[in-house]
Protein backbone atom coordinates (compact mmCIF):
# COMPACT_ATOMS: atom_id res chain seq x y z
CA MET A 1 245.48 -1.74 32.40
CA ILE A 2 248.21 -3.30 34.74
CA GLU A 3 248.44 -2.21 38.26
CA GLU A 4 251.65 -2.43 40.24
CA ASN A 5 251.67 -1.93 44.08
CA LEU A 6 255.15 -0.67 45.30
CA VAL A 7 254.96 -1.17 49.01
CA TYR A 8 257.58 0.06 51.36
CA PRO A 9 259.49 -2.56 53.18
CA VAL A 10 259.93 -0.43 56.25
CA THR A 11 258.29 3.02 57.44
CA THR A 12 259.72 3.56 61.01
CA GLY A 13 263.39 3.40 60.47
CA THR A 14 263.76 0.04 62.31
CA THR A 15 264.81 -2.85 60.42
CA ALA A 16 266.90 -6.01 60.31
CA HIS A 17 268.58 -5.40 57.02
CA PRO A 18 272.21 -5.39 57.07
CA GLY A 19 272.40 -1.77 55.57
CA GLY A 20 269.77 -0.45 57.88
CA TYR A 21 266.87 1.75 56.90
CA ALA A 22 268.89 3.37 54.12
CA GLY A 23 270.02 -0.21 52.76
CA ALA A 24 266.54 -1.55 53.00
CA MET A 25 264.99 1.42 51.11
CA ALA A 26 267.75 1.54 48.38
CA GLU A 27 267.15 -2.19 47.79
CA PHE A 28 263.40 -1.37 47.41
CA TYR A 29 263.81 1.49 44.97
CA GLU A 30 266.23 -0.51 42.87
CA ALA A 31 263.75 -3.53 42.60
CA SER A 32 260.66 -1.10 42.03
CA ALA A 33 262.63 0.70 39.31
CA GLY A 34 263.22 -2.83 37.67
CA ARG A 35 259.71 -3.77 37.68
CA LEU A 36 258.75 -0.47 36.06
CA ALA A 37 261.62 -0.62 33.64
CA GLY A 38 260.27 -3.99 32.31
CA HIS A 39 256.88 -2.34 31.30
CA LEU A 40 258.48 0.57 29.77
CA ALA A 41 260.87 -1.68 27.66
CA ALA A 42 258.12 -3.70 26.45
CA GLY A 43 256.55 -0.35 25.01
CA ARG A 44 254.05 0.26 27.95
CA ASP A 45 253.29 3.63 29.22
CA VAL A 46 253.71 4.01 33.02
CA VAL A 47 251.99 6.22 35.14
CA LEU A 48 253.10 6.55 38.78
CA LEU A 49 250.81 8.31 41.12
CA ALA A 50 252.10 10.52 44.00
CA GLU A 51 250.58 12.53 46.79
CA GLY A 52 251.34 16.23 46.61
CA ASP A 53 254.20 17.23 44.28
CA PRO A 54 256.34 14.23 42.90
CA LEU A 55 259.63 16.18 43.42
CA PHE A 56 259.07 17.55 46.97
CA TYR A 57 260.04 15.00 49.54
CA GLY A 58 258.24 12.44 47.19
CA SER A 59 259.23 8.81 46.81
CA TYR A 60 258.77 9.29 42.87
CA MET A 61 262.16 11.07 42.66
CA TYR A 62 263.93 7.66 43.41
CA MET A 63 262.24 6.29 40.49
CA HIS A 64 263.18 9.27 38.50
CA ASP A 65 266.87 8.89 39.30
CA ARG A 66 266.89 5.38 38.06
CA LEU A 67 264.71 5.67 34.94
CA SER A 68 264.60 9.19 33.52
CA ASP A 69 268.03 8.75 31.78
CA ARG A 70 266.75 5.64 29.83
CA PHE A 71 263.03 6.46 29.14
CA GLU A 72 261.19 9.74 28.09
CA THR A 73 259.72 11.15 31.22
CA GLU A 74 257.17 13.63 32.00
CA VAL A 75 256.38 15.11 35.49
CA VAL A 76 253.18 16.58 36.23
CA PRO A 77 253.26 19.18 39.04
CA GLY A 78 251.03 19.05 41.96
CA VAL A 79 250.13 20.92 45.12
CA PRO A 80 252.79 20.20 47.77
CA ALA A 81 251.49 19.31 51.36
CA PHE A 82 252.78 22.58 52.94
CA ALA A 83 250.81 24.75 50.31
CA ALA A 84 247.57 22.73 50.88
CA ALA A 85 248.17 23.08 54.78
CA THR A 86 248.68 26.94 54.52
CA ALA A 87 245.48 27.39 52.57
CA GLY A 88 243.70 25.08 55.17
CA VAL A 89 244.53 27.51 58.11
CA ALA A 90 243.95 30.59 55.98
CA THR A 91 247.24 32.11 57.23
CA PRO A 92 249.79 33.94 54.86
CA LEU A 93 252.95 32.02 55.01
CA VAL A 94 255.67 34.53 53.77
CA ARG A 95 255.48 37.85 52.02
CA GLN A 96 257.67 40.44 50.45
CA THR A 97 261.30 39.78 51.55
CA ASP A 98 260.58 37.07 54.04
CA VAL A 99 262.58 34.04 54.14
CA LEU A 100 260.83 30.47 54.24
CA THR A 101 262.67 27.55 55.44
CA ILE A 102 261.38 23.99 54.99
CA LEU A 103 262.69 21.57 57.85
CA PRO A 104 262.46 18.00 58.40
CA GLY A 105 261.48 17.02 61.84
CA THR A 106 264.20 14.55 61.82
CA LEU A 107 266.93 17.11 62.31
CA PRO A 108 268.62 17.06 65.79
CA GLU A 109 266.62 19.26 68.37
CA PRO A 110 269.24 22.05 68.88
CA GLU A 111 269.51 22.47 64.96
CA LEU A 112 265.78 22.77 64.56
CA ALA A 113 265.74 25.42 67.23
CA ARG A 114 268.48 27.36 65.49
CA ARG A 115 266.99 27.18 61.98
CA LEU A 116 263.57 28.27 63.54
CA ALA A 117 264.96 31.26 65.29
CA ASP A 118 266.80 32.53 62.20
CA THR A 119 263.96 32.31 59.75
CA ASP A 120 260.57 34.25 59.12
CA GLY A 121 258.27 31.54 58.07
CA ALA A 122 258.82 27.75 58.35
CA ILE A 123 257.33 24.51 57.42
CA ILE A 124 258.24 21.41 59.52
CA MET A 125 257.79 18.13 57.92
CA LYS A 126 258.27 14.63 58.84
CA LEU A 127 256.53 14.57 62.23
CA GLY A 128 254.95 11.46 63.91
CA ARG A 129 257.41 10.24 66.40
CA THR A 130 259.48 13.51 66.11
CA PHE A 131 256.58 15.66 67.29
CA PRO A 132 257.77 16.18 70.97
CA LYS A 133 261.20 17.24 69.70
CA VAL A 134 259.76 19.69 67.32
CA ARG A 135 257.54 21.18 69.84
CA SER A 136 260.33 21.52 72.20
CA ALA A 137 262.42 23.27 69.36
CA LEU A 138 259.66 25.59 68.50
CA GLU A 139 259.44 26.77 72.34
CA GLN A 140 263.11 27.31 72.52
CA ALA A 141 263.00 29.33 69.29
CA GLY A 142 260.21 31.50 70.84
CA ARG A 143 258.02 30.46 67.75
CA LEU A 144 255.44 28.02 69.51
CA ASP A 145 252.65 30.47 70.30
CA HIS A 146 251.82 31.09 66.37
CA ALA A 147 252.71 27.50 65.13
CA MET A 148 249.90 25.54 63.68
CA TYR A 149 249.65 21.91 63.30
CA VAL A 150 247.89 20.53 60.34
CA GLU A 151 246.82 16.85 59.90
CA ARG A 152 246.03 15.21 56.38
CA ALA A 153 246.02 18.49 54.41
CA SER A 154 243.60 18.67 51.48
CA MET A 155 242.08 15.27 52.52
CA PRO A 156 238.54 14.78 53.81
CA GLU A 157 239.86 14.06 57.12
CA GLN A 158 241.85 17.26 57.42
CA ARG A 159 242.10 19.08 60.81
CA TRP A 160 244.12 21.85 62.22
CA LEU A 161 245.04 23.13 65.76
CA PRO A 162 247.60 25.07 67.38
CA VAL A 163 250.56 23.06 68.22
CA ARG A 164 250.27 23.61 72.04
CA ASP A 165 247.05 21.84 71.97
CA VAL A 166 248.21 18.57 70.01
CA ASP A 167 248.28 15.25 71.78
CA PRO A 168 251.63 13.65 70.65
CA ALA A 169 250.44 10.35 70.67
CA THR A 170 247.79 11.15 67.96
CA VAL A 171 250.13 12.46 65.33
CA PRO A 172 250.02 10.51 62.06
CA TYR A 173 252.53 10.43 59.12
CA PHE A 174 250.48 12.86 56.97
CA SER A 175 250.94 15.81 59.21
CA LEU A 176 253.09 19.08 59.34
CA ILE A 177 253.61 22.36 61.15
CA VAL A 178 252.98 25.84 59.58
CA VAL A 179 254.95 28.79 61.43
CA PRO A 180 253.82 32.00 59.52
CA GLY A 181 256.37 34.74 58.90
CA ASP A 182 253.84 37.26 60.24
CA SER A 183 254.52 35.50 63.74
CA VAL A 184 257.90 37.06 63.97
CA ALA A 185 257.61 39.68 66.73
CA ALA A 186 257.60 43.40 65.60
CA GLU A 187 261.00 45.02 66.00
CA PRO A 188 262.61 48.72 65.80
CA SER A 189 263.94 47.63 62.55
CA GLY A 190 260.65 47.68 60.96
CA ARG A 191 259.30 44.13 61.10
CA ARG A 192 255.43 43.89 60.77
CA THR A 193 253.18 43.32 63.76
CA PRO A 194 250.98 40.17 63.23
CA ILE A 195 247.80 41.07 61.39
CA GLN A 196 244.44 39.67 61.90
CA PRO A 197 241.33 39.69 59.76
CA VAL A 198 238.10 41.25 61.00
CA VAL A 199 234.72 40.35 59.34
CA ALA A 200 231.75 42.10 59.97
CA ARG A 201 228.33 41.10 58.64
CA VAL A 202 225.92 43.93 58.76
CA ALA A 203 222.21 43.30 57.89
CA THR A 204 220.69 45.72 55.84
CA GLY A 205 217.19 46.22 54.37
CA ARG A 206 217.84 44.77 50.95
CA ALA A 207 220.86 42.56 51.22
CA GLU A 208 223.74 41.54 53.50
CA LEU A 209 226.71 43.72 53.41
CA VAL A 210 230.17 41.95 54.36
CA VAL A 211 232.89 44.28 55.55
CA VAL A 212 236.35 42.96 55.79
CA GLY A 213 239.06 44.80 57.51
CA LEU A 214 242.69 44.21 58.22
CA GLY A 215 244.74 45.75 61.20
CA PRO A 216 247.41 45.08 63.61
CA GLY A 217 246.99 42.26 66.07
CA PRO A 218 246.16 42.87 69.80
CA THR A 219 249.17 43.65 72.15
CA PRO A 220 250.29 40.53 74.06
CA GLY A 221 248.35 40.31 77.21
CA SER A 222 245.62 42.82 76.22
CA PRO A 223 242.12 41.82 76.09
CA PRO A 224 240.49 41.72 72.59
CA LYS A 225 238.60 44.72 71.81
CA PRO A 226 234.79 44.07 71.28
CA PRO A 227 233.18 44.78 67.85
CA ARG A 228 231.79 48.37 67.37
CA SER A 229 228.17 48.76 67.42
CA SER A 230 226.18 49.57 64.28
CA PRO A 231 223.11 51.52 63.90
CA THR A 232 221.61 48.37 62.30
CA SER A 233 221.74 44.81 63.59
CA SER A 234 225.10 43.18 63.16
CA THR A 235 226.68 39.55 63.47
CA TRP A 236 230.36 39.06 63.80
CA SER A 237 231.83 35.82 62.75
CA ALA A 238 235.00 34.08 61.87
CA THR A 239 235.77 33.25 58.18
CA ARG A 240 234.91 29.74 56.95
CA ARG A 241 238.09 27.99 56.21
CA THR A 242 238.43 25.98 52.96
CA SER A 243 241.26 24.46 51.20
CA ILE A 244 241.78 22.76 47.68
CA GLY A 245 244.12 19.96 47.15
CA CYS A 246 245.26 17.85 44.12
CA ARG A 247 247.14 14.86 43.39
CA SER A 248 249.78 14.49 40.82
CA GLY A 249 251.40 11.80 38.74
CA LEU A 250 254.00 10.85 36.47
CA GLY A 251 253.02 10.41 32.72
């Protein structure tokens, strides 16, 4: 087995290349495709490993553009970052006729705010240095309260917290924001009120019974209702959050 490391020449957008960031990356992809083409032409199989899904904001697609018309190609689908992130926060993203919009955080702030106000659910990717601008756009669109920040989705170091609580100085490359469709305020037109899961664990004589209920969320500004008492002892707890992710590659 021969291992090839294709290392980005630039990751922050700042470069002395005469063609700027785009020029530096285009040159890198051309050179990388040439290296892989050499192996393929020699009759070797080449597997290119990618995080998430190869064709969803994946660097593999630039190899695909340059090689798939000359060599037989198979793309193995994977779990994209936003799907792993949604599972991590255990929040439904969109349902029924909801519209989902996936936005790069590199968009201008007014454009981000406009698109966030016009959609039901949203995923915002490409954070890092763009985070302060993205947070401002969420606030302008009235979507900040329910926006969740997810870092390193499906990795062992995964963590998530409300966007309001994020320190902009700590946001890494592997991060994104989930804005659930259920966070759109209820309107006379028939939009949903956000729902919240309620889990009750009731101790019985022989086993533990788990009762799960779904109902409308609390009215903004009102205190949460305490759990109803039970004739037997009861314990109320939040559901444990789990996520499953996978990596994918090109065969």
